Amino acid sequence: EVKGAFDGTVFLVGKVEFKSGVITPSIYLEGAITNVTATGFTLNGATIKLEAATVIKNGPLVNNQRVEVRAQLVGADVVAREVEVQVPSATARLMGPVSDVKAADKTFVVRGQLVTWSATTVFKGGAATDLSNGDWVKVEATLAAGKVNATTVSFLMH
């Protein structure tokens, strides 16, 4: 398992972990689906199969929905393990280096966007007090009144 961050040019590796046993690689896809049936759909030109064990979040599936898919290669088939329909909402996801941390104001900047956190923000891999300029983070946030309000901040490289 390799963890790190991609800045658009370079992948910065923060952690490499070797695991024993047989590894079945996961495939991650996202985009609009077509040709939806009870047994599968088409995504980015690939046929994705559905099984009874496939978890569908925010479903049911219909043509032209945007989805995120976690799948595995089973023989020659791409089999969905989880499909999440992307529900239109006022949310944002940011990833990149942190700058301009102002702990007193509970704000920082990622890729030029001011982000605000609160007591309800969940920090993964660290705490709000660990946040410093240069850290690589992934931010999940809501948008309200033109502000990006972090719901989750995950430290990628700290």
C-alpha atoms as a PDB file:
ATOM      1  CA  GLU A   1       0.000   0.000   0.000  1.00  0.00           C
ATOM      2  CA  VAL A   2       1.370   3.392  -0.976  1.00  0.00           C
ATOM      3  CA  LYS A   3       0.034   6.640   0.488  1.00  0.00           C
ATOM      4  CA  GLY A   4       0.934  10.107  -0.603  1.00  0.00           C
ATOM      5  CA  ALA A   5      -0.255  13.030  -2.660  1.00  0.00           C
ATOM      6  CA  PHE A   6      -0.152  14.007  -6.327  1.00  0.00           C
ATOM      7  CA  ASP A   7       0.353  17.692  -7.059  1.00  0.00           C
ATOM      8  CA  GLY A   8      -0.412  17.391 -10.768  1.00  0.00           C
ATOM      9  CA  THR A   9       3.192  16.740 -11.720  1.00  0.00           C
ATOM     10  CA  VAL A  10       4.830  14.649  -9.007  1.00  0.00           C
ATOM     11  CA  PHE A  11       3.542  11.895  -6.699  1.00  0.00           C
ATOM     12  CA  LEU A  12       4.999  12.508  -3.224  1.00  0.00           C
ATOM     13  CA  VAL A  13       5.129   9.227  -1.305  1.00  0.00           C
ATOM     14  CA  GLY A  14       4.506   9.561   2.416  1.00  0.00           C
ATOM     15  CA  LYS A  15       4.152   5.892   3.349  1.00  0.00           C
ATOM     16  CA  VAL A  16       4.845   2.481   1.804  1.00  0.00           C
ATOM     17  CA  GLU A  17       3.490  -0.624   3.521  1.00  0.00           C
ATOM     18  CA  PHE A  18       4.060  -4.179   2.299  1.00  0.00           C
ATOM     19  CA  LYS A  19       1.290  -6.643   3.045  1.00  0.00           C
ATOM     20  CA  SER A  20       1.542 -10.385   2.775  1.00  0.00           C
ATOM     21  CA  GLY A  21      -0.884 -12.711   1.039  1.00  0.00           C
ATOM     22  CA  VAL A  22      -2.747 -12.547  -2.219  1.00  0.00           C
ATOM     23  CA  ILE A  23      -3.528  -9.023  -3.291  1.00  0.00           C
ATOM     24  CA  THR A  24      -6.600  -8.341  -5.371  1.00  0.00           C
ATOM     25  CA  PRO A  25      -6.138  -4.834  -6.719  1.00  0.00           C
ATOM     26  CA  SER A  26      -9.017  -2.401  -6.505  1.00  0.00           C
ATOM     27  CA  ILE A  27     -10.071  -0.358  -9.493  1.00  0.00           C
ATOM     28  CA  TYR A  28     -11.473   3.143  -8.953  1.00  0.00           C
ATOM     29  CA  LEU A  29     -13.627   4.765 -11.631  1.00  0.00           C
ATOM     30  CA  GLU A  30     -15.779   7.839 -11.815  1.00  0.00           C
ATOM     31  CA  GLY A  31     -18.028   9.375 -14.430  1.00  0.00           C
ATOM     32  CA  ALA A  32     -21.508   9.192 -15.957  1.00  0.00           C
ATOM     33  CA  ILE A  33     -23.078   5.750 -16.411  1.00  0.00           C
ATOM     34  CA  THR A  34     -25.089   4.459 -19.376  1.00  0.00           C
ATOM     35  CA  ASN A  35     -26.717   1.188 -20.458  1.00  0.00           C
ATOM     36  CA  VAL A  36     -27.898   0.524 -16.883  1.00  0.00           C
ATOM     37  CA  THR A  37     -29.405  -2.926 -16.278  1.00  0.00           C
ATOM     38  CA  ALA A  38     -29.940  -5.100 -13.213  1.00  0.00           C
ATOM     39  CA  THR A  39     -26.604  -6.811 -13.892  1.00  0.00           C
ATOM     40  CA  GLY A  40     -24.372  -3.890 -14.833  1.00  0.00           C
ATOM     41  CA  PHE A  41     -23.713  -0.645 -16.678  1.00  0.00           C
ATOM     42  CA  THR A  42     -21.191   1.112 -18.903  1.00  0.00           C
ATOM     43  CA  LEU A  43     -18.786   3.671 -17.449  1.00  0.00           C
ATOM     44  CA  ASN A  44     -16.114   5.455 -19.503  1.00  0.00           C
ATOM     45  CA  GLY A  45     -16.520   2.797 -22.205  1.00  0.00           C
ATOM     46  CA  ALA A  46     -15.972  -0.114 -19.803  1.00  0.00           C
ATOM     47  CA  THR A  47     -18.614  -2.692 -18.900  1.00  0.00           C
ATOM     48  CA  ILE A  48     -19.052  -2.871 -15.124  1.00  0.00           C
ATOM     49  CA  LYS A  49     -20.836  -5.890 -13.659  1.00  0.00           C
ATOM     50  CA  LEU A  50     -23.089  -5.782 -10.595  1.00  0.00           C
ATOM     51  CA  GLU A  51     -23.497  -8.664  -8.144  1.00  0.00           C
ATOM     52  CA  ALA A  52     -25.951  -9.249  -5.305  1.00  0.00           C
ATOM     53  CA  ALA A  53     -23.187  -8.216  -2.864  1.00  0.00           C
ATOM     54  CA  THR A  54     -22.490  -4.896  -4.648  1.00  0.00           C
ATOM     55  CA  VAL A  55     -23.197  -1.971  -2.292  1.00  0.00           C
ATOM     56  CA  ILE A  56     -25.077   0.873  -3.987  1.00  0.00           C
ATOM     57  CA  LYS A  57     -25.125   4.176  -2.099  1.00  0.00           C
ATOM     58  CA  ASN A  58     -27.639   6.921  -2.935  1.00  0.00           C
ATOM     59  CA  GLY A  59     -29.267   4.619  -5.539  1.00  0.00           C
ATOM     60  CA  PRO A  60     -31.069   3.304  -7.476  1.00  0.00           C
ATOM     61  CA  LEU A  61     -28.858   3.529 -10.570  1.00  0.00           C
ATOM     62  CA  VAL A  62     -30.188   5.233 -13.707  1.00  0.00           C
ATOM     63  CA  ASN A  63     -28.610   6.353 -16.971  1.00  0.00           C
ATOM     64  CA  ASN A  64     -26.506   9.549 -16.991  1.00  0.00           C
ATOM     65  CA  GLN A  65     -25.871   9.638 -13.224  1.00  0.00           C
ATOM     66  CA  ARG A  66     -22.384  10.557 -12.034  1.00  0.00           C
ATOM     67  CA  VAL A  67     -20.959   7.788  -9.889  1.00  0.00           C
ATOM     68  CA  GLU A  68     -17.789   6.724  -8.107  1.00  0.00           C
ATOM     69  CA  VAL A  69     -17.067   3.002  -8.359  1.00  0.00           C
ATOM     70  CA  ARG A  70     -14.745   0.725  -6.416  1.00  0.00           C
ATOM     71  CA  ALA A  71     -14.369  -2.515  -8.370  1.00  0.00           C
ATOM     72  CA  GLN A  72     -12.150  -5.545  -8.745  1.00  0.00           C
ATOM     73  CA  LEU A  73     -11.000  -7.555 -11.727  1.00  0.00           C
ATOM     74  CA  VAL A  74     -12.551 -11.033 -11.507  1.00  0.00           C
ATOM     75  CA  GLY A  75     -11.231 -13.079 -14.394  1.00  0.00           C
ATOM     76  CA  ALA A  76     -11.839 -10.834 -17.383  1.00  0.00           C
ATOM     77  CA  ASP A  77     -14.753  -8.967 -15.739  1.00  0.00           C
ATOM     78  CA  VAL A  78     -14.727  -5.669 -13.865  1.00  0.00           C
ATOM     79  CA  VAL A  79     -17.058  -6.310 -10.914  1.00  0.00           C
ATOM     80  CA  ALA A  80     -18.333  -3.394  -8.831  1.00  0.00           C
ATOM     81  CA  ARG A  81     -17.930  -3.821  -5.074  1.00  0.00           C
ATOM     82  CA  GLU A  82     -19.323  -0.376  -4.269  1.00  0.00           C
ATOM     83  CA  VAL A  83     -21.115   2.229  -6.396  1.00  0.00           C
ATOM     84  CA  GLU A  84     -21.807   5.670  -4.964  1.00  0.00           C
ATOM     85  CA  VAL A  85     -24.159   7.967  -6.858  1.00  0.00           C
ATOM     86  CA  GLN A  86     -22.853  11.532  -6.647  1.00  0.00           C
ATOM     87  CA  VAL A  87     -25.780  13.513  -5.307  1.00  0.00           C
ATOM     88  CA  PRO A  88     -25.699  17.143  -6.418  1.00  0.00           C
ATOM     89  CA  SER A  89     -25.069  19.255  -3.361  1.00  0.00           C
ATOM     90  CA  ALA A  90     -23.032  22.149  -2.176  1.00  0.00           C
ATOM     91  CA  THR A  91     -19.873  20.221  -1.327  1.00  0.00           C
ATOM     92  CA  ALA A  92     -16.209  20.531  -2.156  1.00  0.00           C
ATOM     93  CA  ARG A  93     -13.151  18.320  -2.097  1.00  0.00           C
ATOM     94  CA  LEU A  94      -9.689  19.799  -2.073  1.00  0.00           C
ATOM     95  CA  MET A  95      -6.279  18.167  -1.923  1.00  0.00           C
ATOM     96  CA  GLY A  96      -2.909  19.806  -1.709  1.00  0.00           C
ATOM     97  CA  PRO A  97      -0.425  21.592   0.480  1.00  0.00           C
ATOM     98  CA  VAL A  98      -1.588  23.741   3.386  1.00  0.00           C
ATOM     99  CA  SER A  99      -0.580  27.372   3.636  1.00  0.00           C
ATOM    100  CA  ASP A 100      -1.522  30.442   5.675  1.00  0.00           C
ATOM    101  CA  VAL A 101      -2.626  28.517   8.794  1.00  0.00           C
ATOM    102  CA  LYS A 102      -4.390  30.816  11.273  1.00  0.00           C
ATOM    103  CA  ALA A 103      -5.291  28.675  14.287  1.00  0.00           C
ATOM    104  CA  ALA A 104      -6.995  31.550  16.128  1.00  0.00           C
ATOM    105  CA  ASP A 105      -9.361  32.054  13.173  1.00  0.00           C
ATOM    106  CA  LYS A 106      -9.593  28.299  12.471  1.00  0.00           C
ATOM    107  CA  THR A 107      -8.629  28.829   8.821  1.00  0.00           C
ATOM    108  CA  PHE A 108      -6.029  27.664   6.344  1.00  0.00           C
ATOM    109  CA  VAL A 109      -5.563  27.734   2.561  1.00  0.00           C
ATOM    110  CA  VAL A 110      -5.400  24.785   0.118  1.00  0.00           C
ATOM    111  CA  ARG A 111      -4.686  25.528  -3.556  1.00  0.00           C
ATOM    112  CA  GLY A 112      -5.627  29.180  -3.080  1.00  0.00           C
ATOM    113  CA  GLN A 113      -8.978  28.402  -1.402  1.00  0.00           C
ATOM    114  CA  LEU A 114      -9.629  29.603   2.151  1.00  0.00           C
ATOM    115  CA  VAL A 115     -10.904  26.729   4.320  1.00  0.00           C
ATOM    116  CA  THR A 116     -12.582  27.141   7.718  1.00  0.00           C
ATOM    117  CA  TRP A 117     -12.782  24.404  10.362  1.00  0.00           C
ATOM    118  CA  SER A 118     -14.875  24.124  13.524  1.00  0.00           C
ATOM    119  CA  ALA A 119     -15.281  21.957  16.619  1.00  0.00           C
ATOM    120  CA  THR A 120     -17.295  19.472  14.510  1.00  0.00           C
ATOM    121  CA  THR A 121     -14.589  19.034  11.844  1.00  0.00           C
ATOM    122  CA  VAL A 122     -13.116  15.522  11.913  1.00  0.00           C
ATOM    123  CA  PHE A 123      -9.322  15.389  11.609  1.00  0.00           C
ATOM    124  CA  LYS A 124      -7.830  12.076  10.420  1.00  0.00           C
ATOM    125  CA  GLY A 125      -4.157  11.244  10.891  1.00  0.00           C
ATOM    126  CA  GLY A 126      -3.658  14.206  13.190  1.00  0.00           C
ATOM    127  CA  ALA A 127      -5.455  16.956  15.074  1.00  0.00           C
ATOM    128  CA  ALA A 128      -6.275  20.582  14.369  1.00  0.00           C
ATOM    129  CA  THR A 129      -3.324  21.550  16.561  1.00  0.00           C
ATOM    130  CA  ASP A 130      -1.031  19.530  14.243  1.00  0.00           C
ATOM    131  CA  LEU A 131      -2.021  21.523  11.157  1.00  0.00           C
ATOM    132  CA  SER A 132       0.950  23.444   9.773  1.00  0.00           C
ATOM    133  CA  ASN A 133       2.083  25.090   6.566  1.00  0.00           C
ATOM    134  CA  GLY A 134       3.399  22.544   4.063  1.00  0.00           C
ATOM    135  CA  ASP A 135       1.245  19.630   5.299  1.00  0.00           C
ATOM    136  CA  TRP A 136      -0.543  17.766   2.511  1.00  0.00           C
ATOM    137  CA  VAL A 137      -4.239  17.294   3.240  1.00  0.00           C
ATOM    138  CA  LYS A 138      -7.455  16.113   1.666  1.00  0.00           C
ATOM    139  CA  VAL A 139     -10.420  18.283   2.661  1.00  0.00           C
ATOM    140  CA  GLU A 140     -14.077  17.373   2.393  1.00  0.00           C
ATOM    141  CA  ALA A 141     -16.279  20.389   2.958  1.00  0.00           C
ATOM    142  CA  THR A 142     -19.657  22.016   2.605  1.00  0.00           C
ATOM    143  CA  LEU A 143     -20.179  25.302   0.825  1.00  0.00           C
ATOM    144  CA  ALA A 144     -22.285  27.980   2.470  1.00  0.00           C
ATOM    145  CA  ALA A 145     -22.446  31.709   1.841  1.00  0.00           C
ATOM    146  CA  GLY A 146     -19.304  31.494  -0.285  1.00  0.00           C
ATOM    147  CA  LYS A 147     -17.286  29.797   2.482  1.00  0.00           C
ATOM    148  CA  VAL A 148     -15.619  26.381   2.405  1.00  0.00           C
ATOM    149  CA  ASN A 149     -16.422  24.733   5.755  1.00  0.00           C
ATOM    150  CA  ALA A 150     -14.340  21.607   6.373  1.00  0.00           C
ATOM    151  CA  THR A 151     -16.225  18.523   7.547  1.00  0.00           C
ATOM    152  CA  THR A 152     -13.166  16.234   7.310  1.00  0.00           C
ATOM    153  CA  VAL A 153      -9.454  17.026   7.039  1.00  0.00           C
ATOM    154  CA  SER A 154      -7.231  14.012   6.322  1.00  0.00           C
ATOM    155  CA  PHE A 155      -3.465  14.399   6.694  1.00  0.00           C
ATOM    156  CA  LEU A 156      -1.722  12.808   3.689  1.00  0.00           C
ATOM    157  CA  MET A 157       1.806  13.970   4.482  1.00  0.00           C
ATOM    158  CA  HIS A 158       2.563  15.555   7.796  1.00  0.00           C
END
